[in-house]
Protein backbone atom coordinates (compact mmCIF):
# COMPACT_ATOMS: atom_id res chain seq x y z
CA UNK A 1 24.01 17.25 25.75
CA UNK A 2 23.74 15.88 22.23
CA UNK A 3 26.67 17.06 20.07
CA UNK A 4 25.97 19.15 17.00
CA UNK A 5 26.97 18.09 13.49
CA UNK A 6 29.75 20.65 13.27
CA UNK A 7 31.10 19.54 16.67
CA UNK A 8 31.21 15.94 15.45
CA UNK A 9 32.95 16.99 12.25
CA UNK A 10 35.59 18.99 14.13
CA UNK A 11 36.43 16.17 16.55
CA UNK A 12 36.39 13.13 14.23
CA UNK A 13 38.51 12.06 11.28
CA UNK A 14 35.42 10.95 9.34
CA UNK A 15 31.69 11.33 9.80
CA UNK A 16 28.93 9.10 8.37
CA UNK A 17 25.39 10.45 8.16
CA UNK A 18 22.95 7.58 8.63
CA UNK A 19 19.87 9.29 10.04
CA UNK A 20 17.24 7.66 7.85
CA UNK A 21 14.44 9.50 6.03
CA UNK A 22 12.29 10.78 8.87
CA UNK A 23 10.52 13.71 7.18
CA UNK A 24 6.95 12.45 6.72
CA UNK A 25 4.58 12.90 3.83
CA UNK A 26 1.62 14.85 5.22
CA UNK A 27 -1.80 16.06 4.16
CA UNK A 28 -1.71 19.53 2.67
CA UNK A 29 -5.18 20.55 3.78
CA UNK A 30 -6.65 23.17 6.11
CA UNK A 31 -7.20 21.70 9.57
CA UNK A 32 -4.18 19.40 9.53
CA UNK A 33 -3.00 21.10 12.73
CA UNK A 34 -6.29 20.38 14.54
CA UNK A 35 -6.50 18.32 17.71
CA UNK A 36 -6.89 14.68 16.79
CA UNK A 37 -4.55 14.78 13.77
CA UNK A 38 -1.19 13.12 14.45
CA UNK A 39 1.78 11.69 12.59
CA UNK A 40 2.53 7.98 12.73
CA UNK A 41 5.99 8.17 14.29
CA UNK A 42 5.03 10.38 17.27
CA UNK A 43 1.99 8.14 17.80
CA UNK A 44 4.12 4.98 17.90
CA UNK A 45 6.90 6.62 19.92
CA UNK A 46 4.39 7.81 22.54
CA UNK A 47 3.18 4.24 22.98
CA UNK A 48 6.73 2.91 23.32
CA UNK A 49 7.49 5.48 26.01
CA UNK A 50 4.21 4.71 27.78
CA UNK A 51 4.99 0.99 27.75
CA UNK A 52 8.41 1.63 29.30
CA UNK A 53 6.84 3.78 32.02
CA UNK A 54 3.84 1.43 32.45
CA UNK A 55 1.43 4.32 31.82
CA UNK A 56 -1.17 5.20 29.19
CA UNK A 57 0.02 6.89 26.01
CA UNK A 58 -0.52 10.63 25.68
CA UNK A 59 -1.75 9.94 22.13
CA UNK A 60 -3.98 7.00 22.99
CA UNK A 61 -6.66 5.70 20.62
CA UNK A 62 -8.69 4.32 23.53
CA UNK A 63 -12.42 4.63 22.89
CA UNK A 64 -11.88 6.58 19.65
CA UNK A 65 -12.85 6.20 16.02
CA UNK A 66 -9.48 5.97 14.30
CA UNK A 67 -8.53 6.45 10.66
CA UNK A 68 -5.04 5.56 9.45
CA UNK A 69 -4.00 7.05 6.13
CA UNK A 70 -1.44 4.68 4.62
CA UNK A 71 -1.39 0.93 4.10
CA UNK A 72 2.30 0.17 4.50
CA UNK A 73 4.27 -1.31 7.39
CA UNK A 74 4.07 1.87 9.46
CA UNK A 75 0.31 2.03 8.96
CA UNK A 76 0.00 -1.59 10.04
CA UNK A 77 2.01 -0.84 13.18
CA UNK A 78 -0.42 1.99 13.96
CA UNK A 79 -3.33 -0.38 13.37
CA UNK A 80 -2.05 -2.97 15.82
CA UNK A 81 -1.19 -0.30 18.38
CA UNK A 82 -4.67 1.26 18.09
CA UNK A 83 -6.29 -2.13 18.73
CA UNK A 84 -4.16 -2.71 21.81
CA UNK A 85 -4.99 0.73 23.14
CA UNK A 86 -8.69 -0.08 22.92
CA UNK A 87 -9.86 1.90 19.89
CA UNK A 88 -13.60 1.90 19.27
CA UNK A 89 -13.06 1.25 15.57
CA UNK A 90 -10.12 1.47 13.17
CA UNK A 91 -10.16 2.11 9.43
CA UNK A 92 -6.99 1.89 7.35
CA UNK A 93 -7.13 3.76 4.05
CA UNK A 94 -4.95 3.56 0.96
CA UNK A 95 -4.90 6.07 -1.88
CA UNK A 96 -4.15 3.45 -4.52
CA UNK A 97 -6.69 0.89 -5.75
CA UNK A 98 -6.56 -2.57 -4.21
CA UNK A 99 -3.81 -4.65 -5.87
CA UNK A 100 -4.68 -7.96 -7.60
CA UNK A 101 -4.49 -11.31 -5.84
CA UNK A 102 -1.92 -12.54 -8.39
CA UNK A 103 0.84 -10.90 -10.42
CA UNK A 104 -0.33 -8.92 -13.40
CA UNK A 105 1.37 -9.49 -16.80
CA UNK A 106 3.10 -6.12 -16.40
CA UNK A 107 4.67 -7.16 -13.07
CA UNK A 108 6.85 -10.21 -13.93
CA UNK A 109 9.55 -11.82 -11.79
CA UNK A 110 12.08 -10.64 -10.60
CA UNK A 111 10.14 -7.43 -9.93
CA UNK A 112 8.62 -7.10 -6.47
CA UNK A 113 5.16 -8.75 -6.66
CA UNK A 114 2.49 -6.04 -6.46
CA UNK A 115 -0.21 -8.29 -5.02
CA UNK A 116 -2.78 -8.03 -2.25
CA UNK A 117 -1.33 -8.75 1.18
CA UNK A 118 -2.65 -8.90 4.70
CA UNK A 119 -0.30 -8.12 7.58
CA UNK A 120 -0.54 -9.75 10.99
CA UNK A 121 -1.98 -6.50 12.38
CA UNK A 122 -4.64 -6.42 9.66
CA UNK A 123 -5.56 -10.00 10.46
CA UNK A 124 -6.48 -8.84 13.97
CA UNK A 125 -9.33 -6.69 12.66
CA UNK A 126 -10.25 -3.25 11.46
CA UNK A 127 -11.59 -2.02 8.15
CA UNK A 128 -9.56 -1.52 4.98
CA UNK A 129 -10.47 0.98 2.30
CA UNK A 130 -8.77 1.49 -1.05
CA UNK A 131 -8.79 4.14 -3.77
CA UNK A 132 -9.84 7.03 -1.54
CA UNK A 133 -8.43 10.55 -1.58
CA UNK A 134 -8.98 12.86 1.37
CA UNK A 135 -10.44 16.13 0.10
CA UNK A 136 -11.04 18.03 3.35
CA UNK A 137 -10.90 17.82 7.14
CA UNK A 138 -13.98 18.78 9.12
CA UNK A 139 -12.96 20.56 12.32
CA UNK A 140 -15.23 21.79 15.10
CA UNK A 141 -13.92 23.93 17.98
CA UNK A 142 -10.35 22.94 17.09
CA UNK A 143 -11.11 19.19 17.15
CA UNK A 144 -11.20 16.95 14.09
CA UNK A 145 -14.64 15.39 13.71
CA UNK A 146 -14.73 13.95 10.18
CA UNK A 147 -12.91 13.32 6.92
CA UNK A 148 -14.34 13.97 3.49
CA UNK A 149 -13.25 11.55 0.77
CA UNK A 150 -13.67 10.93 -2.93
CA UNK A 151 -13.01 7.70 -4.78
CA UNK A 152 -10.23 7.51 -7.35
CA UNK A 153 -9.34 5.21 -10.21
CA UNK A 154 -6.16 4.52 -12.10
CA UNK A 155 -5.92 6.26 -15.45
CA UNK A 156 -2.72 6.17 -17.45
CA UNK A 157 0.15 6.62 -15.01
CA UNK A 158 -1.89 8.55 -12.47
CA UNK A 159 -5.14 8.67 -10.51
CA UNK A 160 -8.30 10.61 -11.29
CA UNK A 161 -11.28 11.40 -9.09
CA UNK A 162 -14.51 9.48 -9.65
CA UNK A 163 -17.48 11.89 -9.59
CA UNK A 164 -20.35 10.86 -7.37
CA UNK A 165 -18.20 8.91 -4.90
CA UNK A 166 -17.87 11.64 -2.27
CA UNK A 167 -18.41 10.54 1.32
CA UNK A 168 -18.01 11.70 4.92
CA UNK A 169 -16.41 9.57 7.64
CA UNK A 170 -16.54 10.46 11.33
CA UNK A 171 -13.18 10.27 13.08
CA UNK A 172 -11.71 11.19 16.46
CA UNK A 173 -8.07 10.35 15.71
CA UNK A 174 -6.43 10.63 12.30
CA UNK A 175 -3.00 9.03 12.00
CA UNK A 176 -0.92 10.05 8.98
CA UNK A 177 1.19 7.07 7.90
CA UNK A 178 1.71 7.98 4.26
CA UNK A 179 5.42 7.33 4.08
CA UNK A 180 8.54 9.46 4.25
CA UNK A 181 9.98 11.79 1.67
CA UNK A 182 13.50 12.65 2.82
CA UNK A 183 15.82 12.96 5.82
CA UNK A 184 15.51 15.90 8.19
CA UNK A 185 18.35 18.01 6.82
CA UNK A 186 17.98 21.54 8.19
CA UNK A 187 20.73 21.14 10.80
CA UNK A 188 22.97 19.23 8.36
CA UNK A 189 22.83 21.99 5.78
CA UNK A 190 23.23 24.80 8.30
CA UNK A 191 26.06 23.24 10.31
CA UNK A 192 27.94 21.18 7.73
CA UNK A 193 26.92 22.73 4.44
CA UNK A 194 26.27 19.39 2.74
CA UNK A 195 24.59 19.56 -0.66
CA UNK A 196 21.19 17.95 -1.25
CA UNK A 197 19.82 16.33 -4.38
CA UNK A 198 16.56 17.14 -6.12
CA UNK A 199 14.58 14.95 -3.70
CA UNK A 200 15.93 16.67 -0.62
CA UNK A 201 18.19 13.73 0.30
CA UNK A 202 21.92 14.04 1.00
CA UNK A 203 23.87 14.09 -2.27
CA UNK A 204 26.75 11.59 -2.44
CA UNK A 205 29.29 10.43 -5.00
CA UNK A 206 30.12 6.83 -5.92
CA UNK A 207 32.15 6.51 -2.69
CA UNK A 208 29.23 7.72 -0.54
CA UNK A 209 31.08 10.95 0.18
CA UNK A 210 29.04 14.13 0.43
CA UNK A 211 30.01 17.54 -0.92
CA UNK A 212 31.99 18.05 2.31
CA UNK A 213 35.35 16.16 2.43
CA UNK A 214 35.42 13.54 5.15
CA UNK A 215 31.63 13.47 5.51
CA UNK A 216 29.79 10.44 4.13
CA UNK A 217 26.18 9.34 3.99
CA UNK A 218 24.50 5.94 3.71
CA UNK A 219 21.04 4.38 3.71
CA UNK A 220 17.79 6.31 3.55
CA UNK A 221 19.61 9.59 4.25
CA UNK A 222 20.97 9.58 0.68
CA UNK A 223 18.77 6.99 -1.04
CA UNK A 224 15.41 8.13 0.29
CA UNK A 225 12.97 5.90 2.14
CA UNK A 226 13.74 2.34 1.07
CA UNK A 227 14.33 -1.20 2.33
CA UNK A 228 16.47 -2.21 5.29
CA UNK A 229 18.61 -4.42 3.03
CA UNK A 230 19.71 -1.31 1.14
CA UNK A 231 20.60 0.45 4.38
CA UNK A 232 22.72 -2.55 5.42
CA UNK A 233 24.39 -2.71 2.02
CA UNK A 234 25.16 1.00 1.87
CA UNK A 235 26.41 1.05 5.46
CA UNK A 236 28.93 -1.65 4.62
CA UNK A 237 30.06 0.07 1.45
CA UNK A 238 30.39 3.43 3.16
CA UNK A 239 32.47 1.78 5.89
CA UNK A 240 34.84 0.39 3.26
CA UNK A 241 35.38 3.83 1.72
CA UNK A 242 35.88 5.47 5.11
CA UNK A 243 38.35 2.73 6.02
CA UNK A 244 40.27 3.36 2.80
CA UNK A 245 40.38 7.10 3.45
CA UNK A 246 41.69 6.67 6.99
CA UNK A 247 44.25 4.06 5.96
CA UNK A 248 45.41 5.95 2.91
CA UNK A 249 45.32 2.59 1.18
CA UNK A 250 42.74 0.10 -0.14
CA UNK A 251 40.31 -1.06 2.54
CA UNK A 252 40.78 -4.47 4.13
CA UNK A 253 37.05 -4.81 4.83
CA UNK A 254 35.06 -7.39 2.79
CA UNK A 255 33.66 -6.18 -0.52
CA UNK A 256 29.87 -6.16 -0.33
CA UNK A 257 27.00 -3.93 -1.27
CA UNK A 258 25.60 -2.17 -4.26
CA UNK A 259 28.08 -3.53 -6.84
CA UNK A 260 27.49 -7.23 -6.28
CA UNK A 261 24.66 -7.78 -3.81
CA UNK A 262 21.75 -5.82 -5.23
CA UNK A 263 22.83 -4.82 -8.69
CA UNK A 264 23.35 -1.09 -8.29
CA UNK A 265 21.52 1.94 -7.01
């Protein structure tokens, strides 16, 4: 059986929490629990398990009209998977307006270039929609049958609805791939008593130690959903501080991470 957090803490000299940020951002609309509405990670995991067993996924998009909410890497993975499963049609939708083809004056180097990109999955086909906000889910006999959308535009630092742009889109399978908000922390808090920050992530000090002595955290678990390079950097730094604690002396591990590799948190 999988050990609990408190069992790990009681049997180890130090414990590092590196569980990622797996709590998804979801639609907060009636009908989100209907048949045909799924989260991205269970959808992708089901396909991985089916591939290992050489069977068809229990959440297959075969022969279905699919809508993917979210245009990031996870959404692109769902797009490619839906194509391989034999979806009838696939539409990938982003809430934000389409980015420009070139950097805008307000997005200079060395900032990450906010420009239009096409992933390898998107090159394979499917439709892409931008600046659409889902307003309601149409459910019939417990099964999702359509989405209702409205167009949005950027105004100031936010988005506003555009009157007269309402539309209905038939869908058999809705995949929510809208990103992740925080780690799954219920068991951590209950069993270890670690403190969380205002975002719901694990709160750490400058040495990656949590509010519980001997318990550390690194990567998305304390930073929130971010890039793999940050997870690598924080993992190395956390290892140095754990090493120093166990030695009772300065760590002998190489100095890398937030202070000199990426310029801080």
